[in-house]
Amino acid sequence: MDLSRKTCTPCQGGVSPLTFGEAEILLSQAPGWRLWENGTRLERRFEFQTFATALAFVNRVGDLAESEGHHPDIRFGWGYANILFYTHKIGGLHENDFIMAAKVNELYTDEYSAV
């Protein structure tokens, strides 16, 4: 199933994070994202023409995160937004992180990629 069509499931902890190999397999469904910190984090930089466009995108990502109950770390400024996902309760990556990455990609493609 396409990750962007899935919904995040609550993670209560007590589950193992994805292995590096498992994360690499899911990464193929999240174009533009990269694994870092030994495969425990998922990050992507998005670029924009203006600060206002970056801010609007970040606000949409925030709305998505609230609706899914899975929140990224976000850094942004003039012309960029860096989005970082990992599941804090397990100290690594979960399928939820890749679901969110795929959904964030759709936000960018749908509205901001023409900038």
N, C-alpha and C. Protein backbone atom coordinates (compact mmCIF):
# COMPACT_ATOMS: atom_id res chain seq x y z
N MET A 1 0.85 -1.19 0.00
CA MET A 1 0.00 0.00 0.00
C MET A 1 0.88 1.24 0.00
N ASP A 2 0.47 2.24 -0.79
CA ASP A 2 1.16 3.52 -0.85
C ASP A 2 1.20 4.13 0.55
N LEU A 3 2.40 4.49 1.00
CA LEU A 3 2.55 5.03 2.36
C LEU A 3 1.70 6.27 2.59
N SER A 4 1.54 7.10 1.57
CA SER A 4 0.78 8.35 1.76
C SER A 4 -0.70 8.08 1.99
N ARG A 5 -1.16 6.87 1.73
CA ARG A 5 -2.57 6.51 1.95
C ARG A 5 -2.79 5.87 3.32
N LYS A 6 -1.71 5.60 4.02
CA LYS A 6 -1.82 5.00 5.36
C LYS A 6 -2.01 6.09 6.41
N THR A 7 -2.43 5.68 7.57
CA THR A 7 -2.57 6.57 8.72
C THR A 7 -1.59 6.14 9.80
N CYS A 8 -1.01 7.09 10.48
CA CYS A 8 -0.09 6.76 11.56
C CYS A 8 -0.85 6.05 12.68
N THR A 9 -0.17 5.06 13.25
CA THR A 9 -0.74 4.35 14.39
C THR A 9 -0.02 4.82 15.65
N PRO A 10 -0.73 4.99 16.74
CA PRO A 10 -0.08 5.46 17.96
C PRO A 10 1.05 4.52 18.39
N CYS A 11 2.18 5.09 18.72
CA CYS A 11 3.32 4.32 19.18
C CYS A 11 3.48 4.57 20.68
N GLN A 12 3.27 3.55 21.47
CA GLN A 12 3.36 3.68 22.92
C GLN A 12 4.76 3.36 23.45
N GLY A 13 5.68 3.09 22.55
CA GLY A 13 7.00 2.65 22.97
C GLY A 13 6.98 1.14 23.16
N GLY A 14 8.09 0.60 23.58
CA GLY A 14 8.16 -0.84 23.80
C GLY A 14 8.31 -1.65 22.53
N VAL A 15 8.41 -0.98 21.37
CA VAL A 15 8.66 -1.68 20.11
C VAL A 15 10.07 -1.29 19.65
N SER A 16 10.67 -2.15 18.90
CA SER A 16 12.01 -1.86 18.40
C SER A 16 11.93 -0.91 17.21
N PRO A 17 12.90 -0.01 17.11
CA PRO A 17 12.95 0.83 15.91
C PRO A 17 13.31 -0.03 14.70
N LEU A 18 13.03 0.49 13.53
CA LEU A 18 13.38 -0.20 12.30
C LEU A 18 14.89 -0.39 12.23
N THR A 19 15.32 -1.49 11.64
CA THR A 19 16.74 -1.68 11.37
C THR A 19 17.12 -0.78 10.20
N PHE A 20 18.40 -0.61 9.98
CA PHE A 20 18.85 0.20 8.87
C PHE A 20 18.33 -0.37 7.55
N GLY A 21 18.37 -1.68 7.40
CA GLY A 21 17.88 -2.32 6.18
C GLY A 21 16.39 -2.12 5.97
N GLU A 22 15.61 -2.23 7.03
CA GLU A 22 14.17 -1.99 6.93
C GLU A 22 13.89 -0.54 6.54
N ALA A 23 14.66 0.38 7.14
CA ALA A 23 14.49 1.80 6.83
C ALA A 23 14.84 2.08 5.38
N GLU A 24 15.89 1.45 4.86
CA GLU A 24 16.27 1.65 3.46
C GLU A 24 15.17 1.20 2.50
N ILE A 25 14.50 0.12 2.83
CA ILE A 25 13.41 -0.36 1.99
C ILE A 25 12.27 0.66 1.95
N LEU A 26 11.89 1.19 3.11
CA LEU A 26 10.82 2.19 3.15
C LEU A 26 11.25 3.51 2.53
N LEU A 27 12.53 3.82 2.60
CA LEU A 27 13.05 5.07 2.03
C LEU A 27 12.76 5.16 0.53
N SER A 28 12.71 4.04 -0.14
CA SER A 28 12.42 4.05 -1.57
C SER A 28 11.02 4.60 -1.86
N GLN A 29 10.16 4.62 -0.85
CA GLN A 29 8.81 5.16 -1.02
C GLN A 29 8.69 6.61 -0.55
N ALA A 30 9.81 7.21 -0.21
CA ALA A 30 9.84 8.60 0.25
C ALA A 30 10.94 9.35 -0.51
N PRO A 31 10.73 9.60 -1.81
CA PRO A 31 11.77 10.26 -2.62
C PRO A 31 12.19 11.61 -2.03
N GLY A 32 13.50 11.87 -2.09
CA GLY A 32 14.04 13.14 -1.62
C GLY A 32 14.47 13.12 -0.16
N TRP A 33 14.06 12.13 0.59
CA TRP A 33 14.43 12.02 2.01
C TRP A 33 15.72 11.25 2.13
N ARG A 34 16.41 11.46 3.25
CA ARG A 34 17.64 10.72 3.49
C ARG A 34 17.67 10.20 4.92
N LEU A 35 18.35 9.10 5.09
CA LEU A 35 18.58 8.55 6.42
C LEU A 35 19.86 9.16 6.96
N TRP A 36 19.87 9.44 8.24
CA TRP A 36 21.11 9.87 8.87
C TRP A 36 21.12 9.43 10.32
N GLU A 37 22.23 9.69 10.99
CA GLU A 37 22.48 9.18 12.34
C GLU A 37 22.27 7.67 12.39
N ASN A 38 23.01 6.98 11.53
CA ASN A 38 22.98 5.51 11.46
C ASN A 38 21.59 4.95 11.20
N GLY A 39 20.81 5.67 10.42
CA GLY A 39 19.48 5.19 10.05
C GLY A 39 18.44 5.36 11.14
N THR A 40 18.69 6.28 12.08
CA THR A 40 17.73 6.51 13.16
C THR A 40 16.91 7.78 12.95
N ARG A 41 17.22 8.52 11.90
CA ARG A 41 16.52 9.77 11.60
C ARG A 41 16.23 9.84 10.11
N LEU A 42 15.17 10.57 9.77
CA LEU A 42 14.74 10.75 8.39
C LEU A 42 14.59 12.25 8.15
N GLU A 43 15.28 12.79 7.14
CA GLU A 43 15.32 14.23 6.96
C GLU A 43 15.23 14.61 5.49
N ARG A 44 14.61 15.76 5.26
CA ARG A 44 14.58 16.33 3.91
C ARG A 44 14.58 17.85 4.00
N ARG A 45 15.27 18.46 3.05
CA ARG A 45 15.26 19.92 2.90
C ARG A 45 14.38 20.26 1.71
N PHE A 46 13.46 21.19 1.93
CA PHE A 46 12.57 21.69 0.88
C PHE A 46 12.97 23.13 0.59
N GLU A 47 12.90 23.53 -0.67
CA GLU A 47 13.29 24.88 -1.05
C GLU A 47 12.11 25.64 -1.64
N PHE A 48 12.12 26.96 -1.39
CA PHE A 48 11.02 27.83 -1.78
C PHE A 48 11.56 29.15 -2.30
N GLN A 49 10.70 29.90 -2.97
CA GLN A 49 11.09 31.20 -3.53
C GLN A 49 11.09 32.31 -2.48
N THR A 50 10.27 32.17 -1.43
CA THR A 50 10.14 33.25 -0.44
C THR A 50 10.02 32.69 0.97
N PHE A 51 10.20 33.57 1.91
CA PHE A 51 9.98 33.21 3.31
C PHE A 51 8.51 32.86 3.55
N ALA A 52 7.61 33.64 2.98
CA ALA A 52 6.18 33.42 3.19
C ALA A 52 5.74 32.05 2.67
N THR A 53 6.30 31.63 1.56
CA THR A 53 5.96 30.31 1.02
C THR A 53 6.49 29.21 1.94
N ALA A 54 7.70 29.37 2.43
CA ALA A 54 8.25 28.39 3.37
C ALA A 54 7.39 28.32 4.63
N LEU A 55 6.99 29.47 5.14
CA LEU A 55 6.14 29.51 6.33
C LEU A 55 4.79 28.84 6.08
N ALA A 56 4.19 29.10 4.94
CA ALA A 56 2.90 28.48 4.62
C ALA A 56 3.05 26.96 4.56
N PHE A 57 4.14 26.48 3.96
CA PHE A 57 4.39 25.04 3.89
C PHE A 57 4.56 24.46 5.28
N VAL A 58 5.36 25.11 6.11
CA VAL A 58 5.59 24.63 7.47
C VAL A 58 4.26 24.57 8.25
N ASN A 59 3.41 25.56 8.05
CA ASN A 59 2.11 25.53 8.73
C ASN A 59 1.26 24.35 8.26
N ARG A 60 1.32 24.04 6.98
CA ARG A 60 0.57 22.87 6.46
C ARG A 60 1.14 21.58 7.01
N VAL A 61 2.47 21.50 7.12
CA VAL A 61 3.10 20.32 7.72
C VAL A 61 2.65 20.19 9.18
N GLY A 62 2.59 21.32 9.88
CA GLY A 62 2.12 21.30 11.27
C GLY A 62 0.68 20.83 11.39
N ASP A 63 -0.17 21.27 10.50
CA ASP A 63 -1.57 20.81 10.50
C ASP A 63 -1.65 19.31 10.24
N LEU A 64 -0.86 18.84 9.29
CA LEU A 64 -0.82 17.40 8.99
C LEU A 64 -0.34 16.62 10.21
N ALA A 65 0.72 17.11 10.85
CA ALA A 65 1.27 16.43 12.03
C ALA A 65 0.22 16.33 13.14
N GLU A 66 -0.51 17.40 13.34
CA GLU A 66 -1.56 17.38 14.36
C GLU A 66 -2.64 16.36 14.01
N SER A 67 -3.04 16.31 12.75
CA SER A 67 -4.11 15.39 12.36
C SER A 67 -3.66 13.94 12.45
N GLU A 68 -2.38 13.67 12.22
CA GLU A 68 -1.85 12.31 12.28
C GLU A 68 -1.32 11.94 13.67
N GLY A 69 -1.14 12.93 14.53
CA GLY A 69 -0.59 12.65 15.86
C GLY A 69 0.87 12.22 15.83
N HIS A 70 1.60 12.70 14.82
CA HIS A 70 3.02 12.35 14.70
C HIS A 70 3.77 13.60 14.25
N HIS A 71 4.64 14.12 15.09
CA HIS A 71 5.19 15.46 14.93
C HIS A 71 6.67 15.46 14.59
N PRO A 72 7.05 16.24 13.58
CA PRO A 72 8.47 16.36 13.20
C PRO A 72 9.16 17.49 13.97
N ASP A 73 10.46 17.49 13.83
CA ASP A 73 11.25 18.66 14.21
C ASP A 73 11.38 19.47 12.92
N ILE A 74 11.16 20.77 13.01
CA ILE A 74 11.16 21.62 11.82
C ILE A 74 12.09 22.81 12.05
N ARG A 75 12.94 23.07 11.05
CA ARG A 75 13.74 24.30 11.00
C ARG A 75 13.43 24.95 9.67
N PHE A 76 13.19 26.25 9.69
CA PHE A 76 12.93 26.92 8.41
C PHE A 76 13.38 28.36 8.47
N GLY A 77 13.52 28.93 7.29
CA GLY A 77 13.91 30.32 7.15
C GLY A 77 13.61 30.75 5.73
N TRP A 78 14.26 31.82 5.31
CA TRP A 78 14.00 32.35 3.98
C TRP A 78 14.40 31.31 2.94
N GLY A 79 13.40 30.79 2.23
CA GLY A 79 13.64 29.91 1.11
C GLY A 79 13.86 28.44 1.42
N TYR A 80 13.71 28.03 2.66
CA TYR A 80 13.92 26.61 2.95
C TYR A 80 13.11 26.15 4.16
N ALA A 81 12.93 24.84 4.24
CA ALA A 81 12.37 24.19 5.43
C ALA A 81 13.03 22.82 5.53
N ASN A 82 13.61 22.53 6.67
CA ASN A 82 14.17 21.20 6.94
C ASN A 82 13.20 20.48 7.87
N ILE A 83 12.78 19.30 7.44
CA ILE A 83 11.83 18.50 8.21
C ILE A 83 12.56 17.23 8.65
N LEU A 84 12.48 16.92 9.93
CA LEU A 84 13.15 15.77 10.51
C LEU A 84 12.13 14.91 11.24
N PHE A 85 12.10 13.63 10.88
CA PHE A 85 11.22 12.69 11.57
C PHE A 85 12.03 11.61 12.26
N TYR A 86 11.58 11.25 13.44
CA TYR A 86 11.95 10.01 14.12
C TYR A 86 10.94 9.84 15.24
N THR A 87 10.84 8.62 15.72
CA THR A 87 9.86 8.34 16.76
C THR A 87 10.56 8.44 18.11
N HIS A 88 10.28 9.51 18.83
CA HIS A 88 10.96 9.81 20.08
C HIS A 88 10.85 8.66 21.09
N LYS A 89 9.68 8.05 21.18
CA LYS A 89 9.46 7.02 22.20
C LYS A 89 10.30 5.78 22.01
N ILE A 90 10.78 5.54 20.79
CA ILE A 90 11.61 4.36 20.55
C ILE A 90 13.03 4.74 20.16
N GLY A 91 13.31 6.03 20.07
CA GLY A 91 14.66 6.50 19.77
C GLY A 91 15.16 6.13 18.38
N GLY A 92 14.23 6.00 17.45
CA GLY A 92 14.62 5.64 16.08
C GLY A 92 13.44 5.76 15.15
N LEU A 93 13.51 5.06 14.05
CA LEU A 93 12.48 5.16 13.03
C LEU A 93 11.43 4.06 13.15
N HIS A 94 10.22 4.45 12.81
CA HIS A 94 9.04 3.58 12.79
C HIS A 94 8.38 3.81 11.44
N GLU A 95 7.52 2.92 11.01
CA GLU A 95 6.82 3.11 9.75
C GLU A 95 6.11 4.46 9.72
N ASN A 96 5.61 4.93 10.87
CA ASN A 96 4.93 6.23 10.94
C ASN A 96 5.78 7.36 10.36
N ASP A 97 7.09 7.31 10.58
CA ASP A 97 7.97 8.37 10.08
C ASP A 97 7.96 8.40 8.56
N PHE A 98 7.92 7.24 7.94
CA PHE A 98 7.89 7.16 6.48
C PHE A 98 6.52 7.52 5.92
N ILE A 99 5.48 7.17 6.66
CA ILE A 99 4.12 7.59 6.27
C ILE A 99 4.07 9.10 6.22
N MET A 100 4.58 9.75 7.26
CA MET A 100 4.57 11.21 7.30
C MET A 100 5.44 11.81 6.21
N ALA A 101 6.60 11.22 5.95
CA ALA A 101 7.47 11.72 4.88
C ALA A 101 6.74 11.68 3.54
N ALA A 102 6.05 10.59 3.27
CA ALA A 102 5.30 10.47 2.00
C ALA A 102 4.19 11.51 1.93
N LYS A 103 3.51 11.75 3.04
CA LYS A 103 2.43 12.74 3.06
C LYS A 103 2.99 14.16 2.91
N VAL A 104 4.12 14.44 3.52
CA VAL A 104 4.75 15.76 3.37
C VAL A 104 5.18 15.95 1.92
N ASN A 105 5.71 14.91 1.29
CA ASN A 105 6.06 15.02 -0.13
C ASN A 105 4.86 15.42 -0.96
N GLU A 106 3.70 14.86 -0.66
CA GLU A 106 2.49 15.22 -1.41
C GLU A 106 2.13 16.69 -1.21
N LEU A 107 2.29 17.19 0.01
CA LEU A 107 2.02 18.62 0.25
C LEU A 107 2.92 19.49 -0.62
N TYR A 108 4.18 19.12 -0.68
CA TYR A 108 5.15 19.90 -1.45
C TYR A 108 4.85 19.82 -2.94
N THR A 109 4.58 18.64 -3.43
CA THR A 109 4.29 18.46 -4.85
C THR A 109 3.03 19.18 -5.25
N ASP A 110 1.99 19.04 -4.45
CA ASP A 110 0.70 19.62 -4.80
C ASP A 110 0.73 21.13 -4.86
N GLU A 111 1.50 21.76 -3.99
CA GLU A 111 1.34 23.19 -3.90
C GLU A 111 2.59 24.03 -4.08
N TYR A 112 3.76 23.45 -3.84
CA TYR A 112 4.94 24.29 -3.74
C TYR A 112 6.03 23.98 -4.75
N SER A 113 5.95 22.85 -5.42
CA SER A 113 7.06 22.44 -6.28
C SER A 113 7.24 23.35 -7.49
N ALA A 114 6.25 24.12 -7.83
CA ALA A 114 6.34 25.01 -9.00
C ALA A 114 7.11 26.30 -8.67
N VAL A 115 7.47 26.49 -7.42
CA VAL A 115 8.14 27.74 -7.04
C VAL A 115 9.59 27.75 -7.45
